[in-house]
Amino acid sequence: MNNAPSFRDIIYSLIGSIPRGRVVTYGTLAKMAGYPAHVRQVCQVIRTIPAGSSLPCHRIINSQGKLSVKGECYLRHKQALIDEGIIFDLNDKIKLKDYFWEGFD
């Protein structure tokens, strides 16, 4: 019997660990999970997180420092980040050097 956590469980755990006021990229989540070549799979897991989940998905951004979600979801995620003290520049980018989460302390 294999009791190892699934890829989904690992990603969920990592997302839940992202501190308030910090962001992480999809690629970094893949690396932290031990699957550096699985960025698309990370995106798929995130897309299937149920609505109303308490996971802080708004803290996950692309490697250019932008939110990848669209429409109403974009506005909710952006506002949640602003509420956490994260500043967007005029191009709607987040300075990774200021807010990037390096991982577990």
C-alpha atoms as a PDB file:
ATOM      1  CA  MET A   1       0.000   0.000   0.000  1.00  0.00           C
ATOM      2  CA  ASN A   2       1.418   3.394  -1.042  1.00  0.00           C
ATOM      3  CA  ASN A   3       0.817   6.172   1.490  1.00  0.00           C
ATOM      4  CA  ALA A   4       2.831   8.774  -0.421  1.00  0.00           C
ATOM      5  CA  PRO A   5       0.935  12.019  -0.977  1.00  0.00           C
ATOM      6  CA  SER A   6      -0.393  12.602  -4.474  1.00  0.00           C
ATOM      7  CA  PHE A   7       0.929  15.372  -6.708  1.00  0.00           C
ATOM      8  CA  ARG A   8      -2.326  17.263  -6.059  1.00  0.00           C
ATOM      9  CA  ASP A   9      -1.904  16.926  -2.283  1.00  0.00           C
ATOM     10  CA  ILE A  10       1.661  18.216  -2.481  1.00  0.00           C
ATOM     11  CA  ILE A  11       0.601  21.246  -4.534  1.00  0.00           C
ATOM     12  CA  TYR A  12      -2.322  21.969  -2.192  1.00  0.00           C
ATOM     13  CA  SER A  13       0.023  21.805   0.798  1.00  0.00           C
ATOM     14  CA  LEU A  14       2.495  24.172  -0.833  1.00  0.00           C
ATOM     15  CA  ILE A  15      -0.224  26.655  -1.789  1.00  0.00           C
ATOM     16  CA  GLY A  16      -1.505  26.600   1.783  1.00  0.00           C
ATOM     17  CA  SER A  17       2.014  27.426   2.997  1.00  0.00           C
ATOM     18  CA  ILE A  18       2.471  30.616   0.961  1.00  0.00           C
ATOM     19  CA  PRO A  19       2.628  33.419   3.540  1.00  0.00           C
ATOM     20  CA  ARG A  20       0.356  36.425   3.464  1.00  0.00           C
ATOM     21  CA  GLY A  21       1.942  39.274   1.487  1.00  0.00           C
ATOM     22  CA  ARG A  22       4.094  36.921  -0.603  1.00  0.00           C
ATOM     23  CA  VAL A  23       3.736  35.409  -4.066  1.00  0.00           C
ATOM     24  CA  VAL A  24       5.177  32.396  -5.841  1.00  0.00           C
ATOM     25  CA  THR A  25       5.300  31.398  -9.491  1.00  0.00           C
ATOM     26  CA  TYR A  26       3.801  28.277 -11.040  1.00  0.00           C
ATOM     27  CA  GLY A  27       7.292  27.079 -11.930  1.00  0.00           C
ATOM     28  CA  THR A  28       8.548  27.552  -8.401  1.00  0.00           C
ATOM     29  CA  LEU A  29       5.653  25.498  -7.059  1.00  0.00           C
ATOM     30  CA  ALA A  30       6.599  22.712  -9.469  1.00  0.00           C
ATOM     31  CA  LYS A  31      10.224  22.844  -8.260  1.00  0.00           C
ATOM     32  CA  MET A  32       9.192  22.907  -4.591  1.00  0.00           C
ATOM     33  CA  ALA A  33       6.994  19.866  -5.205  1.00  0.00           C
ATOM     34  CA  GLY A  34       9.978  18.021  -6.649  1.00  0.00           C
ATOM     35  CA  TYR A  35       8.651  18.070 -10.218  1.00  0.00           C
ATOM     36  CA  PRO A  36      10.447  20.973 -11.949  1.00  0.00           C
ATOM     37  CA  ALA A  37       9.264  19.966 -15.424  1.00  0.00           C
ATOM     38  CA  HIS A  38       5.586  19.780 -14.426  1.00  0.00           C
ATOM     39  CA  VAL A  39       4.516  23.437 -14.577  1.00  0.00           C
ATOM     40  CA  ARG A  40       1.502  22.642 -16.774  1.00  0.00           C
ATOM     41  CA  GLN A  41       0.361  19.999 -14.310  1.00  0.00           C
ATOM     42  CA  VAL A  42       0.627  22.558 -11.494  1.00  0.00           C
ATOM     43  CA  CYS A  43      -1.602  24.883 -13.535  1.00  0.00           C
ATOM     44  CA  GLN A  44      -4.091  22.057 -14.065  1.00  0.00           C
ATOM     45  CA  VAL A  45      -4.252  21.286 -10.344  1.00  0.00           C
ATOM     46  CA  ILE A  46      -4.835  24.958  -9.579  1.00  0.00           C
ATOM     47  CA  ARG A  47      -7.586  25.215 -12.222  1.00  0.00           C
ATOM     48  CA  THR A  48      -9.452  22.352 -10.567  1.00  0.00           C
ATOM     49  CA  ILE A  49      -9.421  23.736  -7.019  1.00  0.00           C
ATOM     50  CA  PRO A  50     -13.069  23.915  -5.971  1.00  0.00           C
ATOM     51  CA  ALA A  51     -14.761  27.318  -5.777  1.00  0.00           C
ATOM     52  CA  GLY A  52     -14.860  28.571  -2.213  1.00  0.00           C
ATOM     53  CA  SER A  53     -11.633  26.829  -1.244  1.00  0.00           C
ATOM     54  CA  SER A  54      -9.606  28.535   1.474  1.00  0.00           C
ATOM     55  CA  LEU A  55      -6.354  27.947  -0.430  1.00  0.00           C
ATOM     56  CA  PRO A  56      -4.673  31.311  -1.223  1.00  0.00           C
ATOM     57  CA  CYS A  57      -4.527  30.775  -4.995  1.00  0.00           C
ATOM     58  CA  HIS A  58      -4.343  34.523  -5.510  1.00  0.00           C
ATOM     59  CA  ARG A  59      -0.721  34.322  -4.349  1.00  0.00           C
ATOM     60  CA  ILE A  60       0.323  32.331  -7.424  1.00  0.00           C
ATOM     61  CA  ILE A  61       1.527  34.407 -10.363  1.00  0.00           C
ATOM     62  CA  ASN A  62       3.359  33.819 -13.618  1.00  0.00           C
ATOM     63  CA  SER A  63       7.104  34.239 -14.077  1.00  0.00           C
ATOM     64  CA  GLN A  64       6.626  37.756 -15.467  1.00  0.00           C
ATOM     65  CA  GLY A  65       5.082  38.920 -12.184  1.00  0.00           C
ATOM     66  CA  LYS A  66       1.517  38.987 -13.481  1.00  0.00           C
ATOM     67  CA  LEU A  67      -1.709  37.272 -12.588  1.00  0.00           C
ATOM     68  CA  SER A  68      -2.674  34.668 -15.161  1.00  0.00           C
ATOM     69  CA  VAL A  69      -6.386  34.598 -14.381  1.00  0.00           C
ATOM     70  CA  LYS A  70      -8.906  36.656 -16.349  1.00  0.00           C
ATOM     71  CA  GLY A  71     -12.086  38.655 -15.834  1.00  0.00           C
ATOM     72  CA  GLU A  72     -13.832  38.694 -12.476  1.00  0.00           C
ATOM     73  CA  CYS A  73     -11.323  36.237 -11.041  1.00  0.00           C
ATOM     74  CA  TYR A  74      -8.500  38.611 -11.991  1.00  0.00           C
ATOM     75  CA  LEU A  75     -10.163  41.465 -10.119  1.00  0.00           C
ATOM     76  CA  ARG A  76     -10.727  39.323  -6.998  1.00  0.00           C
ATOM     77  CA  HIS A  77      -7.154  38.029  -6.981  1.00  0.00           C
ATOM     78  CA  LYS A  78      -5.680  41.472  -7.553  1.00  0.00           C
ATOM     79  CA  GLN A  79      -7.760  42.985  -4.756  1.00  0.00           C
ATOM     80  CA  ALA A  80      -6.813  40.162  -2.381  1.00  0.00           C
ATOM     81  CA  LEU A  81      -3.122  40.817  -3.072  1.00  0.00           C
ATOM     82  CA  ILE A  82      -3.561  44.563  -2.624  1.00  0.00           C
ATOM     83  CA  ASP A  83      -5.320  43.848   0.690  1.00  0.00           C
ATOM     84  CA  GLU A  84      -2.185  41.906   1.723  1.00  0.00           C
ATOM     85  CA  GLY A  85       0.013  44.914   0.962  1.00  0.00           C
ATOM     86  CA  ILE A  86       1.294  43.848  -2.445  1.00  0.00           C
ATOM     87  CA  ILE A  87       1.803  46.704  -4.873  1.00  0.00           C
ATOM     88  CA  PHE A  88       1.221  46.426  -8.617  1.00  0.00           C
ATOM     89  CA  ASP A  89       3.097  48.703 -10.999  1.00  0.00           C
ATOM     90  CA  LEU A  90       1.445  50.617 -13.844  1.00  0.00           C
ATOM     91  CA  ASN A  91       1.684  47.512 -16.068  1.00  0.00           C
ATOM     92  CA  ASP A  92      -0.163  45.394 -13.458  1.00  0.00           C
ATOM     93  CA  LYS A  93       3.060  43.593 -12.546  1.00  0.00           C
ATOM     94  CA  ILE A  94       4.332  42.605  -9.130  1.00  0.00           C
ATOM     95  CA  LYS A  95       8.025  43.091  -8.394  1.00  0.00           C
ATOM     96  CA  LEU A  96       9.166  39.563  -7.678  1.00  0.00           C
ATOM     97  CA  LYS A  97      12.254  40.805  -5.859  1.00  0.00           C
ATOM     98  CA  ASP A  98       9.991  42.518  -3.304  1.00  0.00           C
ATOM     99  CA  TYR A  99       7.310  39.857  -2.746  1.00  0.00           C
ATOM    100  CA  PHE A 100       8.660  36.504  -3.939  1.00  0.00           C
ATOM    101  CA  TRP A 101       8.421  33.645  -1.455  1.00  0.00           C
ATOM    102  CA  GLU A 102      11.611  31.594  -1.471  1.00  0.00           C
ATOM    103  CA  GLY A 103      10.026  28.616   0.220  1.00  0.00           C
ATOM    104  CA  PHE A 104      10.007  27.165   3.649  1.00  0.00           C
ATOM    105  CA  ASP A 105      11.906  29.039   6.333  1.00  0.00           C
END
